[in-house]
Each structure stands twice: as C-alpha cells, then as structure tokens.
Amino acid sequence: MERTLISGGLIVDGSGKTPARADLLIEDGRIAGIAPSIQAEGATLVQAAGKVVTPGFIDIHRHCDIAALIDPQFGIAELAQGITTVVGGNCGLSIVPTPEPYAEQIQAYVAPCLGPARGLRFADGEAYMRALAQKPPRVNMGMLVGLGAVRAAVKGYARKPFAHSELQRAKEMIACALEAGMLGLSVGVMYAPECYNTDEEYISLISAAAPYGRPVCCHIRGEGDGLVPSVREVIHWGERAGVPVHISHLKCTGIRNWGRGIGEAIEEIERARAGGLDVTCDVYPYDAGATTLVSLLPPCVLEDDGERLWDKLGTRQGVEQVRLALGKPQPGWDNMAESIGWDRITVSSAALAGGERLAGKSLEAICNERNLSDPVEALCRLLAESRGNAQIVVHSMSRDDVDAVARLPYACLISDALYSQGPSHPRRYGAFARVIRDLVVERGVIGLPEAVRKMTALPAQRLGMADAGLLAPGKRADICVFDPALVRDHATYEEPQRLSTGMEAVFIGGKAAWLGERPRAAGTARVVHA
C-alpha cells in the first residue's frame, strides 16, 4: 500500500469553513484520514508546518482542448499554480466535433484560442475522450462540448437557419458527447456561427442537455452595453430548456458601464436564483480580457465565411464595409472599439510574417506605424494577412467590478487561458497564483477559505465531479501544500509566459506531480467523466 502523511499543516478543506491544523494521510491515491495526530509507520512524510493544505485547484475554463493532446509541456504552467484539474471545450469553441467536410474550417476558426490542430479530427465526443484516455496529460482533464463546433459541423459558418433534419443531427451530436462523459454544453453566443442561431434554435439545442442534468456554460452575447439583456437571454434559455445555467467569465466591459452594469447583471442572476433556476458564474482575476481579433467584427460582416472573408478584408471595399458597420449601432452586439477605444486593444499574437513584432502594440499604434488611414484598416489588414489567426488583449474592465463578482458566493474562480501560438494573456500562467497573492493576501478581497472553495469544491459541484474539490476521507487525493505569503504570479502583459512560484507540493491521485518548484513524473492524472 502506497502511503503519504502530510503532517502539521493548516487544513483548508474546500468547504469554506474555518481551517484547522491537522495531519492528512493518503493511501492508494485517496484520503484515508484527517486528524490532529496520525501515526503512519512507513509512510512518506511531508512536513507541512507553517503551510496550508488544500484540495487541488480546479480550473473549469481553459481552452486547452488541443494542447492537452499534443503539447509535451502542457500541465507545467498549471501545476506551478496548484491546478490539478482543467476543463476544456469552453465558449462554444471546442475541437469536438470536427467531421468532414467542415473540419478545416472549424480548426481554423478556433486556432486563435486553442492553437493549431495539427491534423487532429474527431467525428464525435466519444472519439475525443478516447484519444485523451490513451495519453492523459499531467493534470486531470474534463471537457465540455461546444455548440459553435456542433453547428459548424452540421452546416459550416454560413448564416442560414437550421433545417429540421440539421437541428436533429446537432442534438444527436450533443447527446453523443454527453453520453461519452463530457461534463456539459458550452455556448459562445457572440461568436460565429452561433450568433446566427434564433432564440428557438438555442432553446431546442440546449434542451438536448436536459436529460443529463448537466449545465450549459454560456459566453453571453454582450458584456458591455448589452450585458443585462444578454444575462436575461441565457437565463430565459435555461428556464425554457430545463437546464442549469453557468455564465462564463462574468464581466462588465466599456468604460461608461463601469460601476453600474455589473450590479444590474447580478440582480438578474439573483432574481433567477430566487425563482428556482440553478444559475452560477465564474470570473478571472484580471481587468483585461483576451479573445480573437475577428471578434471585433460585427456579425453582419461575418456573413462571408472562411477564406472569402479574409480575401474580402484585404480589399478597399472590405475595409469600407467594416468601417461603415462599426459606425452604426449593432443591436445585440457590443462594439469594443467604440466602448473602450482602439488604444486599449493590443495584439498579443498574429500568425503572419513579422507578427512577433506586433505583440503588445495597440491597433491605434499599429495604424500609425504602418501609415494606414485608421485603426479599422489596421484591423482588416491584420485579419487578411493572418487569415483570422490573431489574438488580442482588451483592457476593458474595472477592478472594482471584477472584485464584486469574485465575492459572489456562487462565483467560481477561473483562468480562461488561451493556448494560441506565441505570447498571450498572463492568465494562462498566473491566474490562480494571482488569486492567492492579490485577492487574498495583498488586498483581502476574499478570505483564504472562501477563495479555496471557489477554486475547488464550488467548480467540482458545478460540473458534477463527485470525488474532487474537498479534503475528506474517501475523496481522491488531489492536494496542494503551500505558504500563501510565498505564492507569486510572475506573468505580465509584456511577459505572459512566466511560471508562478511558491507552490511547494502538488499531489494528483496521491502521487507528487509537483515538488521543489518542478514537475515530477507524469502518469497520475485521469480523464474526468460525468
């Protein structure tokens, strides 16, 4: 029997209750006991005096669908922050399903968030879960099925209504993925091709998750001027479809909305919760977000799909179409350039010659450097040259608003990490360490027991991970040992790929996966099934 005794640590068990000093015994990958003093002859001893012992952190929002399968470094940045379980497939942008004839289109569209697919194709959710099980990554991995990929797999990216047979096929794809053990359904309402779904189509598609009791995780339509109606919209779908709703990266963008919109959105959520709907949300600990460059285009411009769109944007006529569209109100769509300004939108990566020299530069600065007519032309040229494979950081939020969401008792803490080629947002390397350093230790926005609950038991409960997220006898031994005062995130917007420090030990399935600031042998992680 393999045994480890973690001795004398402050047990922060994930429940949110007051911590207590105790020993914790691991036997054969599970927690065998927690008590003030445990005698365990022959057990490997880990001295935890002066440190806290917590469940392994669970990040239910990472765009790691591809990286988990092909990147030999995947899991290192995660373990350095204490993350033992991740969930991919978010925002409707999953790599599942990717059948012919639309596989290449789907792969190209999600590449700015997920990275290049390198030939990976999965006809259905079962095929993906099988591939993941054949070579589990360093950390536990679960998946959502993305509705954007489902729609694209059925009918591509064109703006066309579902035929009855297509709607049924899409629902069958969702059911297949959930039958294979995926943890829920994700939607990306603001992204193509989902932005073309009608209200009734959304309700019909989401209802496919109802028999499984799993949530729909929603990247809502608008997060600025349209925040409140967008929250109402997904609540309405959840009520009509009979499905729990989880609002992804709840935020309020647009300078004029700071200090106002988030409170109104929270009121909508709490009204729905009081009415009996199971609604939760999550938030990342930064006041800047990251997304695809193409998300700056209004939906009316996206009616041309794939290569035709990139070709059009490389023409004078295409630039003028975008300029005119951005100059008009677009109901149901937030104009990020108008709400925060081009100077607050910076390129983080772009798949084009010399793209590395653009990292960290705003679209306004790129416009000036290239002697272009305006930032709209810079936007269009970058999209045409990169064929849409470019990513941006948007400095769009108020820290006070972020803090308000982080305090909500039903808000999980996440990263929303992107895995595109090249530099990205610092949240991939630093989000969970930043929670401890910034929200807990330095500013006291939330206490340590509550922060740990929001990174462990709460996300485990939201996605039905029954044996994870709590330190209790019988639970799987995914465990972190650290001194909160020493945990540091080092990733910045200028240098986003710097590892966090201060995590002394991380166990997955009872075995040390991270020790002495470096990864140990892989092989203890698992594929998480519903």
Protein backbone atom coordinates (compact mmCIF):
# COMPACT_ATOMS: atom_id res chain seq x y z
CA MET A 1 0.00 0.00 0.00
CA GLU A 2 1.38 3.40 -1.03
CA ARG A 3 1.05 5.88 1.86
CA THR A 4 1.93 9.54 2.38
CA LEU A 5 1.48 11.52 5.58
CA ILE A 6 1.16 15.30 5.28
CA SER A 7 1.95 16.45 8.79
CA GLY A 8 1.06 19.56 10.76
CA GLY A 9 -0.49 21.69 8.02
CA LEU A 10 -3.43 24.07 8.27
CA ILE A 11 -6.25 22.16 6.56
CA VAL A 12 -8.27 24.44 4.28
CA ASP A 13 -10.63 21.72 3.13
CA GLY A 14 -12.53 23.45 0.30
CA SER A 15 -15.83 23.75 2.15
CA GLY A 16 -15.21 27.36 3.19
CA LYS A 17 -15.29 26.53 6.89
CA THR A 18 -12.66 27.72 9.40
CA PRO A 19 -9.31 25.96 8.84
CA ALA A 20 -7.85 23.62 11.46
CA ARG A 21 -4.36 22.26 11.98
CA ALA A 22 -4.20 18.51 11.36
CA ASP A 23 -2.39 15.62 9.74
CA LEU A 24 -3.66 14.12 6.47
CA LEU A 25 -3.00 10.54 5.43
CA ILE A 26 -3.06 9.38 1.80
CA GLU A 27 -3.40 5.69 0.99
CA ASP A 28 -3.51 4.30 -2.55
CA GLY A 29 -4.47 7.61 -4.14
CA ARG A 30 -7.24 8.60 -1.75
CA ILE A 31 -7.52 10.47 1.52
CA ALA A 32 -7.57 7.85 4.28
CA GLY A 33 -7.87 10.15 7.27
CA ILE A 34 -7.64 13.68 8.67
CA ALA A 35 -6.99 14.07 12.39
CA PRO A 36 -4.99 16.19 14.87
CA SER A 37 -2.37 13.47 15.02
CA ILE A 38 -1.95 10.41 12.80
CA GLN A 39 0.66 7.71 13.27
CA ALA A 40 1.56 6.02 9.99
CA GLU A 41 4.65 3.85 10.12
CA GLY A 42 6.43 3.53 6.80
CA ALA A 43 4.52 6.38 5.17
CA THR A 44 6.38 9.01 3.17
CA LEU A 45 6.42 12.10 5.37
CA VAL A 46 5.68 15.61 4.08
CA GLN A 47 6.24 18.29 6.73
CA ALA A 48 3.59 21.00 6.29
CA ALA A 49 4.04 23.03 9.50
CA GLY A 50 3.55 26.74 8.71
CA LYS A 51 1.80 25.90 5.45
CA VAL A 52 -1.74 25.31 4.25
CA VAL A 53 -3.05 22.08 2.78
CA THR A 54 -5.88 22.46 0.27
CA PRO A 55 -7.64 20.42 -2.39
CA GLY A 56 -6.02 20.67 -5.81
CA PHE A 57 -7.35 23.66 -7.71
CA ILE A 58 -9.94 23.07 -10.44
CA ASP A 59 -9.98 25.40 -13.44
CA ILE A 60 -13.23 24.80 -15.28
CA HIS A 61 -12.43 27.31 -18.03
CA ARG A 62 -9.28 26.69 -20.07
CA HIS A 63 -9.10 26.49 -23.87
CA CYS A 64 -6.77 23.51 -23.76
CA ASP A 65 -8.64 21.02 -25.99
CA ILE A 66 -5.70 20.67 -28.40
CA ALA A 67 -2.77 21.41 -26.08
CA ALA A 68 -3.78 18.57 -23.75
CA LEU A 69 -3.26 16.11 -26.60
CA ILE A 70 -0.16 17.42 -28.36
CA ASP A 71 1.87 19.78 -26.17
CA PRO A 72 4.56 17.94 -24.13
CA GLN A 73 4.77 20.98 -21.81
CA PHE A 74 1.06 21.03 -21.06
CA GLY A 75 0.42 20.82 -17.33
CA ILE A 76 3.60 22.54 -16.15
CA ALA A 77 2.16 26.07 -16.03
CA GLU A 78 -0.94 24.59 -14.43
CA LEU A 79 0.87 22.63 -11.69
CA ALA A 80 3.02 25.65 -10.83
CA GLN A 81 -0.24 27.36 -9.75
CA GLY A 82 -1.66 24.34 -7.93
CA ILE A 83 -4.11 23.41 -10.69
CA THR A 84 -4.76 19.66 -10.69
CA THR A 85 -7.89 19.54 -12.88
CA VAL A 86 -8.80 21.52 -16.00
CA VAL A 87 -11.86 21.64 -18.25
CA GLY A 88 -11.72 22.47 -21.96
CA GLY A 89 -14.34 22.99 -24.64
CA ASN A 90 -15.49 26.39 -23.40
CA CYS A 91 -17.26 29.29 -25.15
CA GLY A 92 -18.68 27.04 -27.87
CA LEU A 93 -15.16 26.91 -29.36
CA SER A 94 -14.37 23.22 -28.85
CA ILE A 95 -12.40 20.96 -31.17
CA VAL A 96 -15.28 18.47 -30.91
CA PRO A 97 -16.93 17.54 -33.19
CA THR A 98 -14.80 18.08 -36.31
CA PRO A 99 -16.15 15.79 -39.02
CA GLU A 100 -15.80 16.31 -42.76
CA PRO A 101 -16.46 18.45 -44.72
CA TYR A 102 -16.14 21.28 -42.18
CA ALA A 103 -13.17 20.09 -40.07
CA GLU A 104 -10.64 22.51 -41.57
CA GLN A 105 -12.99 25.49 -41.17
CA ILE A 106 -13.62 24.67 -37.52
CA GLN A 107 -9.92 24.18 -36.82
CA ALA A 108 -9.03 27.48 -38.47
CA TYR A 109 -11.74 29.38 -36.59
CA VAL A 110 -10.75 28.11 -33.13
CA ALA A 111 -6.97 28.31 -33.71
CA PRO A 112 -6.55 31.80 -32.16
CA CYS A 113 -7.90 30.39 -28.86
CA LEU A 114 -6.94 26.72 -28.98
CA GLY A 115 -3.84 26.75 -31.17
CA PRO A 116 -3.21 24.81 -34.41
CA ALA A 117 -4.93 21.43 -34.57
CA ARG A 118 -2.08 19.74 -36.48
CA GLY A 119 -4.42 17.33 -38.18
CA LEU A 120 -6.47 16.34 -35.14
CA ARG A 121 -10.05 15.49 -36.08
CA PHE A 122 -12.80 13.97 -34.00
CA ALA A 123 -16.04 12.81 -35.53
CA ASP A 124 -17.74 12.90 -32.14
CA GLY A 125 -17.24 13.34 -28.41
CA GLU A 126 -16.51 9.67 -27.86
CA ALA A 127 -13.54 9.83 -30.25
CA TYR A 128 -12.04 12.78 -28.37
CA MET A 129 -12.48 11.21 -24.93
CA ARG A 130 -10.91 8.00 -26.21
CA ALA A 131 -7.89 9.90 -27.56
CA LEU A 132 -7.49 11.74 -24.25
CA ALA A 133 -7.64 8.49 -22.26
CA GLN A 134 -4.88 6.94 -24.37
CA LYS A 135 -2.36 9.53 -23.15
CA PRO A 136 -3.68 11.53 -20.18
CA PRO A 137 -1.84 14.83 -19.61
CA ARG A 138 -0.03 15.81 -16.41
CA VAL A 139 -3.26 17.16 -14.89
CA ASN A 140 -6.78 15.74 -14.76
CA MET A 141 -8.81 16.77 -17.79
CA GLY A 142 -12.53 17.10 -18.44
CA MET A 143 -14.40 18.51 -21.42
CA LEU A 144 -17.49 20.43 -22.47
CA VAL A 145 -18.97 20.06 -25.94
CA GLY A 146 -19.06 23.39 -27.78
CA LEU A 147 -22.26 24.38 -29.55
CA GLY A 148 -20.31 26.52 -32.03
CA ALA A 149 -18.40 23.47 -33.20
CA VAL A 150 -21.62 21.44 -33.31
CA ARG A 151 -23.37 23.98 -35.53
CA ALA A 152 -20.30 24.33 -37.77
CA ALA A 153 -20.02 20.54 -38.03
CA VAL A 154 -23.60 20.39 -39.31
CA LYS A 155 -23.76 23.43 -41.61
CA GLY A 156 -20.47 25.38 -41.62
CA TYR A 157 -20.23 29.08 -40.81
CA ALA A 158 -22.79 30.50 -43.21
CA ARG A 159 -25.78 32.48 -41.96
CA LYS A 160 -28.54 30.00 -42.69
CA PRO A 161 -31.39 28.72 -40.50
CA PHE A 162 -31.37 25.10 -39.35
CA ALA A 163 -33.41 22.69 -41.37
CA HIS A 164 -35.36 20.27 -39.15
CA SER A 165 -33.02 17.38 -40.05
CA GLU A 166 -29.95 19.53 -39.28
CA LEU A 167 -31.34 20.52 -35.88
CA GLN A 168 -31.95 16.88 -35.02
CA ARG A 169 -28.42 15.95 -36.14
CA ALA A 170 -26.94 18.71 -33.98
CA LYS A 171 -28.89 17.50 -30.95
CA GLU A 172 -27.67 13.97 -31.58
CA MET A 173 -24.06 15.24 -31.60
CA ILE A 174 -24.62 16.95 -28.25
CA ALA A 175 -26.18 13.81 -26.77
CA CYS A 176 -23.32 11.67 -28.10
CA ALA A 177 -20.76 13.91 -26.39
CA LEU A 178 -22.64 13.87 -23.09
CA GLU A 179 -23.06 10.09 -23.31
CA ALA A 180 -19.28 9.88 -23.71
CA GLY A 181 -18.85 11.63 -20.35
CA MET A 182 -18.42 15.26 -21.26
CA LEU A 183 -19.34 17.49 -18.34
CA GLY A 184 -21.79 19.83 -20.03
CA LEU A 185 -22.56 22.01 -23.03
CA SER A 186 -20.87 25.33 -23.80
CA VAL A 187 -22.19 28.14 -25.96
CA GLY A 188 -20.44 31.18 -27.43
CA VAL A 189 -23.36 33.40 -28.31
CA MET A 190 -21.21 36.27 -29.61
CA TYR A 191 -19.13 34.07 -31.92
CA ALA A 192 -19.85 32.83 -35.43
CA PRO A 193 -21.70 30.71 -36.33
CA GLU A 194 -23.69 30.70 -33.07
CA CYS A 195 -24.56 34.38 -33.35
CA TYR A 196 -26.91 33.34 -36.19
CA ASN A 197 -28.98 30.92 -34.08
CA THR A 198 -32.52 32.03 -33.37
CA ASP A 199 -33.97 32.05 -29.87
CA GLU A 200 -35.99 28.92 -30.55
CA GLU A 201 -33.00 27.14 -32.09
CA TYR A 202 -30.94 27.84 -28.96
CA ILE A 203 -33.67 26.51 -26.70
CA SER A 204 -34.07 23.38 -28.79
CA LEU A 205 -30.32 22.71 -28.89
CA ILE A 206 -29.74 23.40 -25.20
CA SER A 207 -32.62 21.11 -24.27
CA ALA A 208 -30.50 18.19 -25.52
CA ALA A 209 -28.52 18.52 -22.26
CA ALA A 210 -31.64 18.40 -20.05
CA PRO A 211 -31.90 14.59 -19.68
CA TYR A 212 -28.32 14.51 -18.36
CA GLY A 213 -28.75 17.20 -15.70
CA ARG A 214 -25.60 18.95 -16.86
CA PRO A 215 -25.22 22.72 -17.20
CA VAL A 216 -24.95 24.95 -20.21
CA CYS A 217 -21.88 27.20 -19.78
CA CYS A 218 -22.52 30.48 -21.56
CA HIS A 219 -20.24 33.04 -23.13
CA ILE A 220 -23.07 35.54 -23.39
CA ARG A 221 -23.89 37.74 -26.36
CA GLY A 222 -22.77 41.09 -24.95
CA GLU A 223 -20.63 42.04 -21.96
CA GLY A 224 -20.84 45.82 -22.23
CA ASP A 225 -23.91 47.84 -23.21
CA GLY A 226 -25.69 44.55 -23.83
CA LEU A 227 -24.68 42.85 -20.57
CA VAL A 228 -28.02 42.86 -18.75
CA PRO A 229 -30.21 41.73 -21.69
CA SER A 230 -27.58 39.09 -22.52
CA VAL A 231 -27.78 37.70 -18.98
CA ARG A 232 -31.57 37.70 -19.23
CA GLU A 233 -31.31 35.87 -22.55
CA VAL A 234 -29.36 32.86 -21.25
CA ILE A 235 -31.50 32.70 -18.10
CA HIS A 236 -34.56 32.53 -20.37
CA TRP A 237 -32.99 29.67 -22.34
CA GLY A 238 -32.18 27.77 -19.16
CA GLU A 239 -35.75 28.17 -17.89
CA ARG A 240 -37.30 27.09 -21.20
CA ALA A 241 -34.90 24.17 -21.75
CA GLY A 242 -34.88 22.98 -18.14
CA VAL A 243 -31.09 23.16 -17.90
CA PRO A 244 -28.81 24.69 -15.21
CA VAL A 245 -27.03 27.85 -16.42
CA HIS A 246 -23.43 28.83 -15.76
CA ILE A 247 -22.33 32.26 -17.03
CA SER A 248 -18.72 32.23 -18.16
CA HIS A 249 -16.26 34.99 -17.20
CA LEU A 250 -18.97 37.35 -15.94
CA LYS A 251 -17.71 40.88 -16.51
CA CYS A 252 -18.77 44.39 -17.48
CA THR A 253 -16.86 45.98 -20.35
CA GLY A 254 -16.93 49.52 -21.65
CA ILE A 255 -15.78 52.50 -19.63
CA ARG A 256 -19.24 54.08 -19.45
CA ASN A 257 -20.65 50.89 -17.89
CA TRP A 258 -18.15 50.54 -15.04
CA GLY A 259 -19.66 50.67 -11.56
CA ARG A 260 -23.20 50.19 -12.87
CA GLY A 261 -23.75 47.34 -15.27
CA ILE A 262 -22.31 44.55 -13.15
CA GLY A 263 -24.68 45.31 -10.28
CA GLU A 264 -27.67 45.14 -12.60
CA ALA A 265 -26.45 41.84 -14.05
CA ILE A 266 -26.01 40.38 -10.56
CA GLU A 267 -29.57 41.44 -9.70
CA GLU A 268 -30.85 39.49 -12.73
CA ILE A 269 -28.92 36.38 -11.67
CA GLU A 270 -30.12 36.57 -8.09
CA ARG A 271 -33.70 37.08 -9.19
CA ALA A 272 -33.46 33.91 -11.27
CA ARG A 273 -31.83 32.00 -8.40
CA ALA A 274 -34.58 33.12 -6.03
CA GLY A 275 -37.09 31.87 -8.61
CA GLY A 276 -35.58 28.38 -8.53
CA LEU A 277 -33.23 28.33 -11.54
CA ASP A 278 -29.76 26.92 -10.86
CA VAL A 279 -27.56 29.82 -12.06
CA THR A 280 -23.88 30.28 -11.27
CA CYS A 281 -20.96 32.13 -12.87
CA ASP A 282 -17.19 32.39 -12.94
CA VAL A 283 -14.61 35.17 -13.11
CA TYR A 284 -10.89 35.57 -13.75
CA PRO A 285 -8.77 37.89 -11.55
CA TYR A 286 -7.75 40.46 -14.19
CA ASP A 287 -9.29 43.66 -15.50
CA ALA A 288 -8.23 42.84 -19.07
CA GLY A 289 -9.52 40.01 -21.19
CA ALA A 290 -8.30 38.25 -24.30
CA THR A 291 -10.10 37.00 -27.37
CA THR A 292 -9.78 36.63 -31.12
CA LEU A 293 -9.12 39.63 -33.34
CA VAL A 294 -12.07 38.58 -35.51
CA SER A 295 -14.41 39.16 -32.55
CA LEU A 296 -14.05 42.90 -33.24
CA LEU A 297 -16.05 42.45 -36.45
CA PRO A 298 -19.85 42.95 -36.30
CA PRO A 299 -21.91 39.84 -37.12
CA CYS A 300 -23.17 41.41 -40.36
CA VAL A 301 -19.60 41.37 -41.71
CA LEU A 302 -19.16 37.69 -40.83
CA GLU A 303 -21.82 36.53 -43.27
CA ASP A 304 -18.98 35.67 -45.64
CA ASP A 305 -17.14 32.79 -44.04
CA GLY A 306 -13.66 31.26 -44.19
CA GLU A 307 -11.28 32.27 -46.96
CA ARG A 308 -13.82 34.52 -48.66
CA LEU A 309 -13.98 36.71 -45.56
CA TRP A 310 -10.19 37.10 -45.30
CA ASP A 311 -9.93 37.86 -49.01
CA LYS A 312 -12.66 40.50 -48.73
CA LEU A 313 -10.98 42.20 -45.77
CA GLY A 314 -7.84 42.60 -47.85
CA THR A 315 -9.68 44.87 -50.30
CA ARG A 316 -10.61 48.55 -50.12
CA GLN A 317 -14.28 47.60 -50.40
CA GLY A 318 -13.98 45.18 -47.49
CA VAL A 319 -12.36 47.78 -45.27
CA GLU A 320 -15.08 50.27 -46.12
CA GLN A 321 -17.79 47.71 -45.29
CA VAL A 322 -16.25 47.16 -41.84
CA ARG A 323 -15.81 50.90 -41.30
CA LEU A 324 -19.48 51.57 -42.11
CA ALA A 325 -20.68 48.67 -39.93
CA LEU A 326 -18.60 49.83 -36.95
CA GLY A 327 -20.05 53.32 -37.35
CA LYS A 328 -23.64 52.12 -36.90
CA PRO A 329 -25.46 50.70 -33.87
CA GLN A 330 -25.50 46.89 -33.99
CA PRO A 331 -28.36 45.58 -31.83
CA GLY A 332 -27.26 42.72 -29.59
CA TRP A 333 -23.55 43.23 -30.31
CA ASP A 334 -21.00 45.21 -28.29
CA ASN A 335 -18.65 47.42 -30.28
CA MET A 336 -15.46 47.02 -28.25
CA ALA A 337 -13.54 49.64 -30.23
CA GLU A 338 -16.21 52.22 -29.54
CA SER A 339 -16.69 51.31 -25.86
CA ILE A 340 -13.03 51.30 -24.76
CA GLY A 341 -11.06 52.82 -27.67
CA TRP A 342 -8.53 51.38 -30.11
CA ASP A 343 -5.66 52.29 -27.79
CA ARG A 344 -6.93 49.76 -25.20
CA ILE A 345 -6.94 46.87 -27.72
CA THR A 346 -3.48 45.31 -28.09
CA VAL A 347 -2.34 42.47 -30.33
CA SER A 348 -0.86 39.55 -28.38
CA SER A 349 -0.11 37.22 -31.30
CA ALA A 350 -0.64 37.08 -35.05
CA ALA A 351 0.20 34.28 -37.49
CA LEU A 352 1.89 36.41 -40.15
CA ALA A 353 5.41 37.41 -41.19
CA GLY A 354 6.82 39.69 -38.50
CA GLY A 355 3.82 39.01 -36.25
CA GLU A 356 6.06 38.73 -33.19
CA ARG A 357 6.92 42.43 -33.54
CA LEU A 358 3.27 43.35 -33.11
CA ALA A 359 2.92 41.78 -29.65
CA GLY A 360 1.89 44.34 -27.06
CA LYS A 361 1.06 47.06 -29.61
CA SER A 362 -2.38 48.62 -29.80
CA LEU A 363 -4.32 48.73 -33.04
CA GLU A 364 -4.01 52.50 -32.87
CA ALA A 365 -0.20 52.23 -32.65
CA ILE A 366 -0.07 49.68 -35.50
CA CYS A 367 -2.17 52.04 -37.63
CA ASN A 368 0.30 54.87 -37.02
CA GLU A 369 3.39 52.72 -37.62
CA ARG A 370 2.05 51.45 -40.96
CA ASN A 371 0.75 54.88 -42.04
CA LEU A 372 -2.75 53.49 -42.50
CA SER A 373 -5.89 55.58 -42.76
CA ASP A 374 -7.34 54.48 -39.40
CA PRO A 375 -7.35 51.53 -36.94
CA VAL A 376 -10.19 49.91 -38.92
CA GLU A 377 -7.81 49.44 -41.83
CA ALA A 378 -5.21 48.03 -39.42
CA LEU A 379 -7.80 45.57 -38.11
CA CYS A 380 -8.79 44.42 -41.59
CA ARG A 381 -5.24 44.08 -42.86
CA LEU A 382 -4.16 42.02 -39.86
CA LEU A 383 -7.13 39.71 -40.28
CA ALA A 384 -6.48 39.32 -44.01
CA GLU A 385 -2.74 38.71 -43.56
CA SER A 386 -3.15 36.25 -40.67
CA ARG A 387 -6.22 34.58 -42.25
CA GLY A 388 -8.01 35.31 -38.99
CA ASN A 389 -5.38 33.69 -36.77
CA ALA A 390 -4.67 36.61 -34.44
CA GLN A 391 -5.39 37.29 -30.82
CA ILE A 392 -5.89 40.44 -28.77
CA VAL A 393 -5.86 41.64 -25.18
CA VAL A 394 -8.64 44.10 -24.34
CA HIS A 395 -8.22 46.39 -21.32
CA SER A 396 -11.94 46.68 -20.85
CA MET A 397 -12.88 46.21 -17.18
CA SER A 398 -12.88 47.93 -13.82
CA ARG A 399 -11.01 46.24 -10.96
CA ASP A 400 -13.89 47.08 -8.60
CA ASP A 401 -16.33 45.27 -10.87
CA VAL A 402 -14.04 42.20 -11.03
CA ASP A 403 -13.83 42.20 -7.22
CA ALA A 404 -17.63 42.41 -6.93
CA VAL A 405 -18.05 39.24 -8.99
CA ALA A 406 -15.22 37.45 -7.17
CA ARG A 407 -17.07 37.98 -3.87
CA LEU A 408 -20.30 36.32 -5.06
CA PRO A 409 -20.87 33.05 -3.16
CA TYR A 410 -21.80 31.27 -6.40
CA ALA A 411 -18.83 32.54 -8.49
CA CYS A 412 -16.06 30.07 -9.36
CA LEU A 413 -12.55 31.43 -9.98
CA ILE A 414 -11.06 30.55 -13.36
CA SER A 415 -8.32 31.50 -15.83
CA ASP A 416 -9.97 31.50 -19.29
CA ALA A 417 -6.48 30.56 -20.51
CA LEU A 418 -5.83 30.60 -24.26
CA TYR A 419 -3.35 28.28 -25.98
CA SER A 420 -2.62 30.05 -29.25
CA GLN A 421 0.87 30.04 -30.68
CA GLY A 422 3.08 32.78 -29.29
CA PRO A 423 2.51 35.12 -26.32
CA SER A 424 -0.96 35.55 -24.91
CA HIS A 425 -2.65 36.86 -21.76
CA PRO A 426 -0.84 36.30 -18.42
CA ARG A 427 -3.82 34.40 -17.00
CA ARG A 428 -2.66 31.10 -18.52
CA TYR A 429 0.47 31.14 -16.37
CA GLY A 430 -0.70 33.19 -13.41
CA ALA A 431 -4.45 33.32 -12.70
CA PHE A 432 -4.66 31.01 -9.68
CA ALA A 433 -1.46 32.29 -8.10
CA ARG A 434 -2.80 35.80 -8.65
CA VAL A 435 -5.98 34.93 -6.74
CA ILE A 436 -3.89 33.97 -3.71
CA ARG A 437 -1.42 36.85 -3.94
CA ASP A 438 -3.73 39.68 -4.99
CA LEU A 439 -7.29 38.86 -3.93
CA VAL A 440 -6.39 37.10 -0.67
CA VAL A 441 -3.00 38.14 0.73
CA GLU A 442 -2.42 41.69 -0.53
CA ARG A 443 -5.91 43.21 -0.86
CA GLY A 444 -8.12 40.92 1.22
CA VAL A 445 -10.98 40.94 -1.28
CA ILE A 446 -11.91 37.43 -0.13
CA GLY A 447 -10.55 35.26 2.68
CA LEU A 448 -8.41 32.20 2.02
CA PRO A 449 -11.07 29.58 2.93
CA GLU A 450 -13.58 31.21 0.57
CA ALA A 451 -11.01 31.62 -2.22
CA VAL A 452 -10.09 27.96 -1.92
CA ARG A 453 -13.78 26.96 -2.02
CA LYS A 454 -14.21 28.95 -5.24
CA MET A 455 -11.23 27.12 -6.79
CA THR A 456 -12.13 23.61 -5.55
CA ALA A 457 -15.48 22.47 -4.12
CA LEU A 458 -17.63 25.00 -5.98
CA PRO A 459 -16.37 24.19 -9.51
CA ALA A 460 -16.39 20.47 -8.69
CA GLN A 461 -20.02 20.71 -7.64
CA ARG A 462 -20.96 22.82 -10.68
CA LEU A 463 -19.66 20.21 -13.13
CA GLY A 464 -20.53 17.09 -11.16
CA MET A 465 -17.05 15.95 -10.09
CA ALA A 466 -18.23 13.91 -7.11
CA ASP A 467 -14.88 12.81 -5.67
CA ALA A 468 -12.97 16.07 -6.18
CA GLY A 469 -12.78 19.50 -4.61
CA LEU A 470 -12.82 18.58 -0.89
CA LEU A 471 -10.35 17.24 1.63
CA ALA A 472 -12.33 14.44 3.27
CA PRO A 473 -11.83 10.71 3.84
CA GLY A 474 -12.55 8.75 0.69
CA LYS A 475 -12.00 11.65 -1.69
CA ARG A 476 -9.38 11.43 -4.40
CA ALA A 477 -6.05 12.80 -3.14
CA ASP A 478 -5.55 15.83 -5.39
CA ILE A 479 -3.83 18.13 -2.90
CA CYS A 480 -1.74 21.33 -2.71
CA VAL A 481 0.73 22.32 0.03
CA PHE A 482 1.96 25.93 0.11
CA ASP A 483 2.59 29.07 2.15
CA PRO A 484 0.11 31.69 0.88
CA ALA A 485 2.56 34.51 1.63
CA LEU A 486 5.08 33.00 -0.80
CA VAL A 487 2.81 32.31 -3.77
CA ARG A 488 3.54 34.69 -6.65
CA ASP A 489 2.32 35.13 -10.22
CA HIS A 490 5.10 36.48 -12.43
CA ALA A 491 3.32 36.54 -15.81
CA THR A 492 2.64 40.06 -17.10
CA TYR A 493 1.09 41.51 -20.25
CA GLU A 494 4.62 42.19 -21.52
CA GLU A 495 5.94 38.74 -20.49
CA PRO A 496 2.90 36.47 -20.22
CA GLN A 497 4.76 33.14 -20.24
CA ARG A 498 6.47 33.24 -16.85
CA LEU A 499 5.76 30.45 -14.37
CA SER A 500 4.22 31.14 -10.99
CA THR A 501 6.20 30.26 -7.86
CA GLY A 502 5.54 29.29 -4.25
CA MET A 503 3.62 26.04 -4.71
CA GLU A 504 5.65 23.64 -2.54
CA ALA A 505 3.93 20.36 -3.40
CA VAL A 506 1.06 19.23 -5.58
CA PHE A 507 -0.34 15.71 -5.48
CA ILE A 508 -2.56 14.14 -8.13
CA GLY A 509 -4.12 10.81 -7.28
CA GLY A 510 -1.94 10.64 -4.19
CA LYS A 511 1.38 10.96 -6.02
CA ALA A 512 3.62 14.02 -6.14
CA ALA A 513 3.11 15.73 -9.50
CA TRP A 514 4.96 18.93 -8.49
CA LEU A 515 7.71 19.14 -5.88
CA GLY A 516 10.54 21.58 -5.29
CA GLU A 517 9.31 24.03 -7.95
CA ARG A 518 9.42 21.42 -10.71
CA PRO A 519 7.21 18.71 -12.20
CA ARG A 520 7.63 15.10 -11.19
CA ALA A 521 6.92 12.03 -13.29
CA ALA A 522 3.64 12.17 -15.21
CA GLY A 523 1.06 9.41 -15.19
CA THR A 524 -1.12 10.05 -12.14
CA ALA A 525 -3.78 12.18 -13.85
CA ARG A 526 -7.08 10.92 -15.23
CA VAL A 527 -9.79 11.81 -17.70
CA VAL A 528 -12.74 13.26 -15.76
CA HIS A 529 -16.12 11.85 -16.81
CA ALA A 530 -19.56 12.99 -15.74
